[in-house]
Amino acid sequence: MESRHGSPIRLHAFNRGHDRRGFRRGFRRGVSLLPSLFTLANLFCGWACVVHAMRGEFATAAPFIGVAVVLDMLDGRIARMTGTTSEFGVQLDSLADLISFGMAPAVLAFQWGLLPLGRMGWAVGFVYLTAAALRLARFNIQTNNDKRYFIGLPSPAAAGLVAATIFYFPDGLAAKPLAWLGLVMLIVPALLMVSTIRFQSFKSFDLGMRRGYRGLLLVAVLIGLLITYPHEVLMGIAYSYFASGFIGTLMAKMNKRSEPAVAEPAQVEVPQKQSREVS
């Protein structure tokens, strides 16, 4: 005899299993969108920087590039951690980087210190934007097996250099002689982005997080210094990374010169046997 409670129980179990499957699909879909949300936040920071730069609010505009740098570091890591990397995410990240680390610093630097140079100023800004686009395109197609280094100055680091300088000197460059300093500040990172100088990759940094609390202590110290001396700390970080490429290149050349030359083995001539002539 069939139990009168059998059919409702089976129906309830079916609904519960259906709800679990729907929840799992929704959860996976939400996780797959998480890296793209960080990328969109990165894009928003670039747009906000442009808006505030056009208003002349340089002290407000420059930190948006710093926030974009942090978001750009996080979206890729989150995508790899959650296993949600995709070609769409890669292309969206490159387009967002072009705005946040190409267009935004160029507009910011132009409004801050290149206006007195006239056409020369906006031409240099366009050169910087072009260099950032070339750097991102080369990064997408290059096959660099050594993950410890970037070939050329990364566009986030170049934009961070511009933003840190403007954040430290937010008043702008009104006089034309000083505007030439702003031109140098923009053209040098542009040339380094398309160079072949190797810069250390953040992926190889190990602060000891897996071995103990030393990494957390260093992060806490950095946060404390950043809150107390934000201008000095950001300038120090930006220019230290900028100089690290030249220091690394110089040290690599010195190491090559100090390595002893490997002597090639001498070639020993084997005497040939003289054949007897048949009389």
C-alpha atoms as a PDB file:
ATOM      1  CA  MET A   1       0.000   0.000   0.000  1.00  0.00           C
ATOM      2  CA  GLU A   2       1.482   3.337  -0.987  1.00  0.00           C
ATOM      3  CA  SER A   3       2.199   5.760   1.822  1.00  0.00           C
ATOM      4  CA  ARG A   4       0.121   8.859   1.720  1.00  0.00           C
ATOM      5  CA  HIS A   5       3.211  10.916   2.574  1.00  0.00           C
ATOM      6  CA  GLY A   6       5.405   9.349  -0.125  1.00  0.00           C
ATOM      7  CA  SER A   7       4.498  11.553  -3.029  1.00  0.00           C
ATOM      8  CA  PRO A   8       4.864  14.894  -1.177  1.00  0.00           C
ATOM      9  CA  ILE A   9       8.210  13.788   0.234  1.00  0.00           C
ATOM     10  CA  ARG A  10       9.507  12.906  -3.223  1.00  0.00           C
ATOM     11  CA  LEU A  11       8.250  16.215  -4.587  1.00  0.00           C
ATOM     12  CA  HIS A  12       9.909  18.108  -1.732  1.00  0.00           C
ATOM     13  CA  ALA A  13      13.206  16.303  -2.342  1.00  0.00           C
ATOM     14  CA  PHE A  14      13.010  17.115  -6.047  1.00  0.00           C
ATOM     15  CA  ASN A  15      12.418  20.804  -5.341  1.00  0.00           C
ATOM     16  CA  ARG A  16      15.265  20.899  -2.853  1.00  0.00           C
ATOM     17  CA  GLY A  17      17.680  19.348  -5.340  1.00  0.00           C
ATOM     18  CA  HIS A  18      16.485  21.723  -8.049  1.00  0.00           C
ATOM     19  CA  ASP A  19      17.036  24.689  -5.738  1.00  0.00           C
ATOM     20  CA  ARG A  20      20.553  23.514  -4.907  1.00  0.00           C
ATOM     21  CA  ARG A  21      21.458  23.174  -8.574  1.00  0.00           C
ATOM     22  CA  GLY A  22      20.028  26.616  -9.294  1.00  0.00           C
ATOM     23  CA  PHE A  23      21.953  28.085  -6.377  1.00  0.00           C
ATOM     24  CA  ARG A  24      25.190  26.505  -7.591  1.00  0.00           C
ATOM     25  CA  ARG A  25      24.691  27.855 -11.119  1.00  0.00           C
ATOM     26  CA  GLY A  26      23.959  31.307  -9.751  1.00  0.00           C
ATOM     27  CA  PHE A  27      26.961  31.152  -7.441  1.00  0.00           C
ATOM     28  CA  ARG A  28      29.300  30.112 -10.247  1.00  0.00           C
ATOM     29  CA  ARG A  29      27.920  32.858 -12.460  1.00  0.00           C
ATOM     30  CA  GLY A  30      28.494  35.409  -9.706  1.00  0.00           C
ATOM     31  CA  VAL A  31      32.046  34.188  -9.147  1.00  0.00           C
ATOM     32  CA  SER A  32      32.802  34.411 -12.876  1.00  0.00           C
ATOM     33  CA  LEU A  33      31.630  38.043 -12.878  1.00  0.00           C
ATOM     34  CA  LEU A  34      33.768  38.998  -9.883  1.00  0.00           C
ATOM     35  CA  PRO A  35      37.035  39.693 -11.815  1.00  0.00           C
ATOM     36  CA  SER A  36      35.097  41.734 -14.399  1.00  0.00           C
ATOM     37  CA  LEU A  37      33.615  43.849 -11.593  1.00  0.00           C
ATOM     38  CA  PHE A  38      37.133  44.712 -10.431  1.00  0.00           C
ATOM     39  CA  THR A  39      38.034  45.557 -14.033  1.00  0.00           C
ATOM     40  CA  LEU A  40      35.013  47.857 -14.320  1.00  0.00           C
ATOM     41  CA  ALA A  41      36.051  49.539 -11.063  1.00  0.00           C
ATOM     42  CA  ASN A  42      39.488  50.031 -12.608  1.00  0.00           C
ATOM     43  CA  LEU A  43      37.846  51.611 -15.659  1.00  0.00           C
ATOM     44  CA  PHE A  44      35.767  53.889 -13.449  1.00  0.00           C
ATOM     45  CA  CYS A  45      38.898  55.114 -11.664  1.00  0.00           C
ATOM     46  CA  GLY A  46      40.419  56.085 -14.996  1.00  0.00           C
ATOM     47  CA  TRP A  47      37.282  57.974 -15.975  1.00  0.00           C
ATOM     48  CA  ALA A  48      37.097  59.720 -12.582  1.00  0.00           C
ATOM     49  CA  CYS A  49      40.727  60.787 -12.931  1.00  0.00           C
ATOM     50  CA  VAL A  50      39.986  62.381 -16.317  1.00  0.00           C
ATOM     51  CA  VAL A  51      36.923  64.217 -14.969  1.00  0.00           C
ATOM     52  CA  HIS A  52      38.738  65.654 -11.949  1.00  0.00           C
ATOM     53  CA  ALA A  53      41.795  66.533 -14.056  1.00  0.00           C
ATOM     54  CA  MET A  54      39.617  68.542 -16.453  1.00  0.00           C
ATOM     55  CA  ARG A  55      38.298  70.446 -13.434  1.00  0.00           C
ATOM     56  CA  GLY A  56      41.806  71.206 -12.238  1.00  0.00           C
ATOM     57  CA  GLU A  57      41.402  69.056  -9.102  1.00  0.00           C
ATOM     58  CA  PHE A  58      44.780  67.363  -9.384  1.00  0.00           C
ATOM     59  CA  ALA A  59      45.081  66.282  -5.746  1.00  0.00           C
ATOM     60  CA  THR A  60      41.793  64.399  -6.155  1.00  0.00           C
ATOM     61  CA  ALA A  61      42.471  63.043  -9.646  1.00  0.00           C
ATOM     62  CA  ALA A  62      45.921  61.525  -9.030  1.00  0.00           C
ATOM     63  CA  PRO A  63      44.895  59.025  -6.284  1.00  0.00           C
ATOM     64  CA  PHE A  64      42.353  57.443  -8.631  1.00  0.00           C
ATOM     65  CA  ILE A  65      45.254  56.117 -10.705  1.00  0.00           C
ATOM     66  CA  GLY A  66      46.759  54.568  -7.573  1.00  0.00           C
ATOM     67  CA  VAL A  67      43.457  52.848  -6.785  1.00  0.00           C
ATOM     68  CA  ALA A  68      43.293  51.629 -10.392  1.00  0.00           C
ATOM     69  CA  VAL A  69      46.756  50.079 -10.018  1.00  0.00           C
ATOM     70  CA  VAL A  70      45.597  48.097  -6.972  1.00  0.00           C
ATOM     71  CA  LEU A  71      42.408  46.973  -8.727  1.00  0.00           C
ATOM     72  CA  ASP A  72      44.409  45.904 -11.780  1.00  0.00           C
ATOM     73  CA  MET A  73      46.617  43.732  -9.568  1.00  0.00           C
ATOM     74  CA  LEU A  74      43.593  42.135  -7.919  1.00  0.00           C
ATOM     75  CA  ASP A  75      41.386  41.279 -10.895  1.00  0.00           C
ATOM     76  CA  GLY A  76      43.924  38.953 -12.488  1.00  0.00           C
ATOM     77  CA  ARG A  77      44.736  37.235  -9.212  1.00  0.00           C
ATOM     78  CA  ILE A  78      41.061  36.726  -8.402  1.00  0.00           C
ATOM     79  CA  ALA A  79      40.428  35.295 -11.868  1.00  0.00           C
ATOM     80  CA  ARG A  80      43.253  32.782 -11.423  1.00  0.00           C
ATOM     81  CA  MET A  81      42.210  31.883  -7.882  1.00  0.00           C
ATOM     82  CA  THR A  82      38.591  31.249  -8.870  1.00  0.00           C
ATOM     83  CA  GLY A  83      39.453  29.580 -12.175  1.00  0.00           C
ATOM     84  CA  THR A  84      37.396  32.113 -14.147  1.00  0.00           C
ATOM     85  CA  THR A  85      40.044  33.367 -16.576  1.00  0.00           C
ATOM     86  CA  SER A  86      38.681  33.943 -20.071  1.00  0.00           C
ATOM     87  CA  GLU A  87      39.648  35.663 -23.307  1.00  0.00           C
ATOM     88  CA  PHE A  88      36.818  38.148 -22.776  1.00  0.00           C
ATOM     89  CA  GLY A  89      38.255  39.102 -19.391  1.00  0.00           C
ATOM     90  CA  VAL A  90      41.722  39.559 -20.872  1.00  0.00           C
ATOM     91  CA  GLN A  91      40.460  41.894 -23.597  1.00  0.00           C
ATOM     92  CA  LEU A  92      38.277  43.866 -21.181  1.00  0.00           C
ATOM     93  CA  ASP A  93      41.228  44.268 -18.834  1.00  0.00           C
ATOM     94  CA  SER A  94      43.428  45.598 -21.647  1.00  0.00           C
ATOM     95  CA  LEU A  95      40.816  48.154 -22.706  1.00  0.00           C
ATOM     96  CA  ALA A  96      40.353  49.303 -19.117  1.00  0.00           C
ATOM     97  CA  ASP A  97      44.122  49.582 -18.668  1.00  0.00           C
ATOM     98  CA  LEU A  98      44.390  51.754 -21.772  1.00  0.00           C
ATOM     99  CA  ILE A  99      41.955  54.225 -20.206  1.00  0.00           C
ATOM    100  CA  SER A 100      43.281  54.116 -16.644  1.00  0.00           C
ATOM    101  CA  PHE A 101      47.012  53.903 -17.435  1.00  0.00           C
ATOM    102  CA  GLY A 102      47.120  55.525 -20.864  1.00  0.00           C
ATOM    103  CA  MET A 103      44.443  58.159 -21.334  1.00  0.00           C
ATOM    104  CA  ALA A 104      44.025  59.193 -17.681  1.00  0.00           C
ATOM    105  CA  PRO A 105      47.709  59.981 -16.892  1.00  0.00           C
ATOM    106  CA  ALA A 106      48.134  61.723 -20.266  1.00  0.00           C
ATOM    107  CA  VAL A 107      45.159  64.020 -19.623  1.00  0.00           C
ATOM    108  CA  LEU A 108      46.200  64.519 -16.005  1.00  0.00           C
ATOM    109  CA  ALA A 109      49.759  65.500 -16.936  1.00  0.00           C
ATOM    110  CA  PHE A 110      48.571  67.747 -19.770  1.00  0.00           C
ATOM    111  CA  GLN A 111      46.171  69.678 -17.550  1.00  0.00           C
ATOM    112  CA  TRP A 112      48.719  69.800 -14.717  1.00  0.00           C
ATOM    113  CA  GLY A 113      51.863  70.984 -16.451  1.00  0.00           C
ATOM    114  CA  LEU A 114      51.840  70.782 -20.248  1.00  0.00           C
ATOM    115  CA  LEU A 115      49.315  73.483 -21.059  1.00  0.00           C
ATOM    116  CA  PRO A 116      51.978  76.251 -21.291  1.00  0.00           C
ATOM    117  CA  LEU A 117      53.717  74.268 -24.056  1.00  0.00           C
ATOM    118  CA  GLY A 118      50.717  74.507 -26.371  1.00  0.00           C
ATOM    119  CA  ARG A 119      50.752  72.016 -29.242  1.00  0.00           C
ATOM    120  CA  MET A 120      53.956  70.477 -27.972  1.00  0.00           C
ATOM    121  CA  GLY A 121      52.163  69.601 -24.749  1.00  0.00           C
ATOM    122  CA  TRP A 122      49.257  67.746 -26.278  1.00  0.00           C
ATOM    123  CA  ALA A 123      51.600  66.077 -28.785  1.00  0.00           C
ATOM    124  CA  VAL A 124      53.675  64.635 -25.930  1.00  0.00           C
ATOM    125  CA  GLY A 125      50.473  63.477 -24.232  1.00  0.00           C
ATOM    126  CA  PHE A 126      49.517  61.651 -27.420  1.00  0.00           C
ATOM    127  CA  VAL A 127      52.979  60.048 -27.551  1.00  0.00           C
ATOM    128  CA  TYR A 128      52.468  58.755 -24.008  1.00  0.00           C
ATOM    129  CA  LEU A 129      49.030  57.380 -24.904  1.00  0.00           C
ATOM    130  CA  THR A 130      50.458  55.659 -27.977  1.00  0.00           C
ATOM    131  CA  ALA A 131      53.300  54.141 -25.963  1.00  0.00           C
ATOM    132  CA  ALA A 132      50.805  52.753 -23.433  1.00  0.00           C
ATOM    133  CA  ALA A 133      48.732  51.212 -26.244  1.00  0.00           C
ATOM    134  CA  LEU A 134      51.845  49.641 -27.805  1.00  0.00           C
ATOM    135  CA  ARG A 135      52.971  48.342 -24.419  1.00  0.00           C
ATOM    136  CA  LEU A 136      49.617  46.660 -23.755  1.00  0.00           C
ATOM    137  CA  ALA A 137      49.446  45.194 -27.273  1.00  0.00           C
ATOM    138  CA  ARG A 138      52.969  43.792 -26.984  1.00  0.00           C
ATOM    139  CA  PHE A 139      52.190  42.333 -23.567  1.00  0.00           C
ATOM    140  CA  ASN A 140      49.152  40.511 -24.967  1.00  0.00           C
ATOM    141  CA  ILE A 141      51.068  38.813 -27.778  1.00  0.00           C
ATOM    142  CA  GLN A 142      54.529  38.293 -26.320  1.00  0.00           C
ATOM    143  CA  THR A 143      55.624  34.877 -25.081  1.00  0.00           C
ATOM    144  CA  ASN A 144      57.839  35.648 -22.110  1.00  0.00           C
ATOM    145  CA  ASN A 145      58.765  32.411 -20.373  1.00  0.00           C
ATOM    146  CA  ASP A 146      60.428  34.180 -17.451  1.00  0.00           C
ATOM    147  CA  LYS A 147      57.505  35.274 -15.273  1.00  0.00           C
ATOM    148  CA  ARG A 148      59.844  37.073 -12.876  1.00  0.00           C
ATOM    149  CA  TYR A 149      60.267  40.049 -15.205  1.00  0.00           C
ATOM    150  CA  PHE A 150      58.315  42.398 -17.452  1.00  0.00           C
ATOM    151  CA  ILE A 151      59.830  43.439 -20.774  1.00  0.00           C
ATOM    152  CA  GLY A 152      59.549  47.216 -20.660  1.00  0.00           C
ATOM    153  CA  LEU A 153      58.073  49.383 -17.940  1.00  0.00           C
ATOM    154  CA  PRO A 154      54.536  48.161 -17.154  1.00  0.00           C
ATOM    155  CA  SER A 155      51.825  50.694 -17.946  1.00  0.00           C
ATOM    156  CA  PRO A 156      50.470  50.703 -14.345  1.00  0.00           C
ATOM    157  CA  ALA A 157      53.942  51.563 -13.034  1.00  0.00           C
ATOM    158  CA  ALA A 158      54.368  54.325 -15.637  1.00  0.00           C
ATOM    159  CA  ALA A 159      50.975  55.793 -14.736  1.00  0.00           C
ATOM    160  CA  GLY A 160      51.780  55.475 -11.041  1.00  0.00           C
ATOM    161  CA  LEU A 161      54.985  57.435 -11.579  1.00  0.00           C
ATOM    162  CA  VAL A 162      53.056  60.296 -13.189  1.00  0.00           C
ATOM    163  CA  ALA A 163      50.294  60.197 -10.574  1.00  0.00           C
ATOM    164  CA  ALA A 164      52.697  60.103  -7.601  1.00  0.00           C
ATOM    165  CA  THR A 165      54.611  63.112  -8.916  1.00  0.00           C
ATOM    166  CA  ILE A 166      51.453  65.141  -9.463  1.00  0.00           C
ATOM    167  CA  PHE A 167      50.064  64.067  -6.089  1.00  0.00           C
ATOM    168  CA  TYR A 168      53.270  65.326  -4.446  1.00  0.00           C
ATOM    169  CA  PHE A 169      53.170  68.637  -6.390  1.00  0.00           C
ATOM    170  CA  PRO A 170      49.441  69.270  -6.939  1.00  0.00           C
ATOM    171  CA  ASP A 171      49.720  72.996  -7.664  1.00  0.00           C
ATOM    172  CA  GLY A 172      50.686  72.490 -11.298  1.00  0.00           C
ATOM    173  CA  LEU A 173      53.314  74.059 -13.547  1.00  0.00           C
ATOM    174  CA  ALA A 174      52.133  77.463 -14.737  1.00  0.00           C
ATOM    175  CA  ALA A 175      55.438  78.821 -16.079  1.00  0.00           C
ATOM    176  CA  LYS A 176      56.784  77.583 -19.396  1.00  0.00           C
ATOM    177  CA  PRO A 177      60.327  76.780 -18.148  1.00  0.00           C
ATOM    178  CA  LEU A 178      58.846  74.506 -15.481  1.00  0.00           C
ATOM    179  CA  ALA A 179      56.530  72.921 -18.023  1.00  0.00           C
ATOM    180  CA  TRP A 180      59.558  71.328 -19.688  1.00  0.00           C
ATOM    181  CA  LEU A 181      60.023  69.306 -16.490  1.00  0.00           C
ATOM    182  CA  GLY A 182      56.494  68.001 -16.918  1.00  0.00           C
ATOM    183  CA  LEU A 183      57.339  67.031 -20.481  1.00  0.00           C
ATOM    184  CA  VAL A 184      60.338  65.010 -19.270  1.00  0.00           C
ATOM    185  CA  MET A 185      58.204  63.389 -16.580  1.00  0.00           C
ATOM    186  CA  LEU A 186      55.815  62.141 -19.275  1.00  0.00           C
ATOM    187  CA  ILE A 187      58.159  61.289 -22.143  1.00  0.00           C
ATOM    188  CA  VAL A 188      60.649  59.205 -20.121  1.00  0.00           C
ATOM    189  CA  PRO A 189      58.059  56.641 -18.891  1.00  0.00           C
ATOM    190  CA  ALA A 190      56.624  56.554 -22.415  1.00  0.00           C
ATOM    191  CA  LEU A 191      59.996  55.543 -23.864  1.00  0.00           C
ATOM    192  CA  LEU A 192      60.564  52.990 -21.122  1.00  0.00           C
ATOM    193  CA  MET A 193      57.220  51.305 -21.821  1.00  0.00           C
ATOM    194  CA  VAL A 194      58.333  50.420 -25.345  1.00  0.00           C
ATOM    195  CA  SER A 195      61.916  49.578 -24.338  1.00  0.00           C
ATOM    196  CA  THR A 196      63.392  46.128 -23.703  1.00  0.00           C
ATOM    197  CA  ILE A 197      64.593  46.894 -20.173  1.00  0.00           C
ATOM    198  CA  ARG A 198      63.460  44.220 -17.726  1.00  0.00           C
ATOM    199  CA  PHE A 199      61.496  45.200 -14.636  1.00  0.00           C
ATOM    200  CA  GLN A 200      60.722  42.956 -11.712  1.00  0.00           C
ATOM    201  CA  SER A 201      57.324  41.280 -11.793  1.00  0.00           C
ATOM    202  CA  PHE A 202      55.064  41.560  -8.766  1.00  0.00           C
ATOM    203  CA  LYS A 203      54.242  37.866  -9.181  1.00  0.00           C
ATOM    204  CA  SER A 204      57.706  36.917  -7.908  1.00  0.00           C
ATOM    205  CA  PHE A 205      57.513  38.982  -4.715  1.00  0.00           C
ATOM    206  CA  ASP A 206      57.361  36.828  -1.586  1.00  0.00           C
ATOM    207  CA  LEU A 207      56.846  38.585   1.725  1.00  0.00           C
ATOM    208  CA  GLY A 208      56.691  35.375   3.718  1.00  0.00           C
ATOM    209  CA  MET A 209      52.893  35.165   3.916  1.00  0.00           C
ATOM    210  CA  ARG A 210      52.955  31.378   3.709  1.00  0.00           C
ATOM    211  CA  ARG A 211      55.609  30.932   6.379  1.00  0.00           C
ATOM    212  CA  GLY A 212      54.297  33.163   9.144  1.00  0.00           C
ATOM    213  CA  TYR A 213      53.135  36.598  10.149  1.00  0.00           C
ATOM    214  CA  ARG A 214      56.136  38.503   8.857  1.00  0.00           C
ATOM    215  CA  GLY A 215      54.339  39.486   5.664  1.00  0.00           C
ATOM    216  CA  LEU A 216      51.322  40.775   7.559  1.00  0.00           C
ATOM    217  CA  LEU A 217      53.597  42.847   9.779  1.00  0.00           C
ATOM    218  CA  LEU A 218      55.299  44.402   6.750  1.00  0.00           C
ATOM    219  CA  VAL A 219      51.918  45.219   5.217  1.00  0.00           C
ATOM    220  CA  ALA A 220      50.791  46.811   8.494  1.00  0.00           C
ATOM    221  CA  VAL A 221      53.958  48.929   8.604  1.00  0.00           C
ATOM    222  CA  LEU A 222      53.424  49.997   4.986  1.00  0.00           C
ATOM    223  CA  ILE A 223      49.817  50.972   5.689  1.00  0.00           C
ATOM    224  CA  GLY A 224      50.902  52.969   8.738  1.00  0.00           C
ATOM    225  CA  LEU A 225      53.537  54.834   6.750  1.00  0.00           C
ATOM    226  CA  LEU A 226      51.105  55.399   3.898  1.00  0.00           C
ATOM    227  CA  ILE A 227      48.555  56.958   6.238  1.00  0.00           C
ATOM    228  CA  THR A 228      51.155  59.103   8.002  1.00  0.00           C
ATOM    229  CA  TYR A 229      53.244  60.169   5.001  1.00  0.00           C
ATOM    230  CA  PRO A 230      51.144  59.423   1.881  1.00  0.00           C
ATOM    231  CA  HIS A 231      52.955  61.781  -0.493  1.00  0.00           C
ATOM    232  CA  GLU A 232      56.470  60.669   0.459  1.00  0.00           C
ATOM    233  CA  VAL A 233      55.657  56.941   0.534  1.00  0.00           C
ATOM    234  CA  LEU A 234      53.947  56.949  -2.866  1.00  0.00           C
ATOM    235  CA  MET A 235      56.805  58.917  -4.394  1.00  0.00           C
ATOM    236  CA  GLY A 236      59.318  56.508  -2.885  1.00  0.00           C
ATOM    237  CA  ILE A 237      57.497  53.429  -4.185  1.00  0.00           C
ATOM    238  CA  ALA A 238      56.986  54.849  -7.691  1.00  0.00           C
ATOM    239  CA  TYR A 239      60.548  56.058  -8.225  1.00  0.00           C
ATOM    240  CA  SER A 240      62.129  53.029  -6.535  1.00  0.00           C
ATOM    241  CA  TYR A 241      60.429  50.708  -8.998  1.00  0.00           C
ATOM    242  CA  PHE A 242      61.345  53.088 -11.814  1.00  0.00           C
ATOM    243  CA  ALA A 243      65.017  52.909 -10.825  1.00  0.00           C
ATOM    244  CA  SER A 244      64.952  49.139 -10.253  1.00  0.00           C
ATOM    245  CA  GLY A 245      64.988  48.444 -13.995  1.00  0.00           C
ATOM    246  CA  PHE A 246      68.215  50.409 -14.526  1.00  0.00           C
ATOM    247  CA  ILE A 247      69.824  48.929 -11.411  1.00  0.00           C
ATOM    248  CA  GLY A 248      68.902  45.393 -12.470  1.00  0.00           C
ATOM    249  CA  THR A 249      70.245  45.940 -15.989  1.00  0.00           C
ATOM    250  CA  LEU A 250      73.506  47.358 -14.644  1.00  0.00           C
ATOM    251  CA  MET A 251      73.960  44.483 -12.188  1.00  0.00           C
ATOM    252  CA  ALA A 252      73.283  41.917 -14.927  1.00  0.00           C
ATOM    253  CA  LYS A 253      75.974  43.486 -17.140  1.00  0.00           C
ATOM    254  CA  MET A 254      78.455  43.536 -14.248  1.00  0.00           C
ATOM    255  CA  ASN A 255      77.786  39.877 -13.480  1.00  0.00           C
ATOM    256  CA  LYS A 256      78.364  38.921 -17.100  1.00  0.00           C
ATOM    257  CA  ARG A 257      81.703  40.719 -17.110  1.00  0.00           C
ATOM    258  CA  SER A 258      82.821  39.110 -13.843  1.00  0.00           C
ATOM    259  CA  GLU A 259      82.039  35.577 -15.021  1.00  0.00           C
ATOM    260  CA  PRO A 260      85.227  33.807 -16.122  1.00  0.00           C
ATOM    261  CA  ALA A 261      85.345  32.952 -19.781  1.00  0.00           C
ATOM    262  CA  VAL A 262      84.961  29.246 -20.412  1.00  0.00           C
ATOM    263  CA  ALA A 263      88.000  28.045 -22.363  1.00  0.00           C
ATOM    264  CA  GLU A 264      87.156  26.006 -25.397  1.00  0.00           C
ATOM    265  CA  PRO A 265      88.771  22.574 -25.441  1.00  0.00           C
ATOM    266  CA  ALA A 266      91.848  22.478 -27.607  1.00  0.00           C
ATOM    267  CA  GLN A 267      91.507  20.493 -30.729  1.00  0.00           C
ATOM    268  CA  VAL A 268      94.049  17.639 -30.820  1.00  0.00           C
ATOM    269  CA  GLU A 269      95.223  16.736 -34.246  1.00  0.00           C
ATOM    270  CA  VAL A 270      95.189  13.004 -34.782  1.00  0.00           C
ATOM    271  CA  PRO A 271      98.126  11.903 -36.965  1.00  0.00           C
ATOM    272  CA  GLN A 272      96.996  10.206 -40.103  1.00  0.00           C
ATOM    273  CA  LYS A 273      98.409   6.810 -40.919  1.00  0.00           C
ATOM    274  CA  GLN A 274     100.597   6.807 -43.973  1.00  0.00           C
ATOM    275  CA  SER A 275      99.516   4.247 -46.496  1.00  0.00           C
ATOM    276  CA  ARG A 276     102.197   2.012 -47.967  1.00  0.00           C
ATOM    277  CA  GLU A 277     102.758   2.357 -51.626  1.00  0.00           C
ATOM    278  CA  VAL A 278     102.578  -0.920 -53.527  1.00  0.00           C
ATOM    279  CA  SER A 279     105.675  -1.349 -55.630  1.00  0.00           C
END
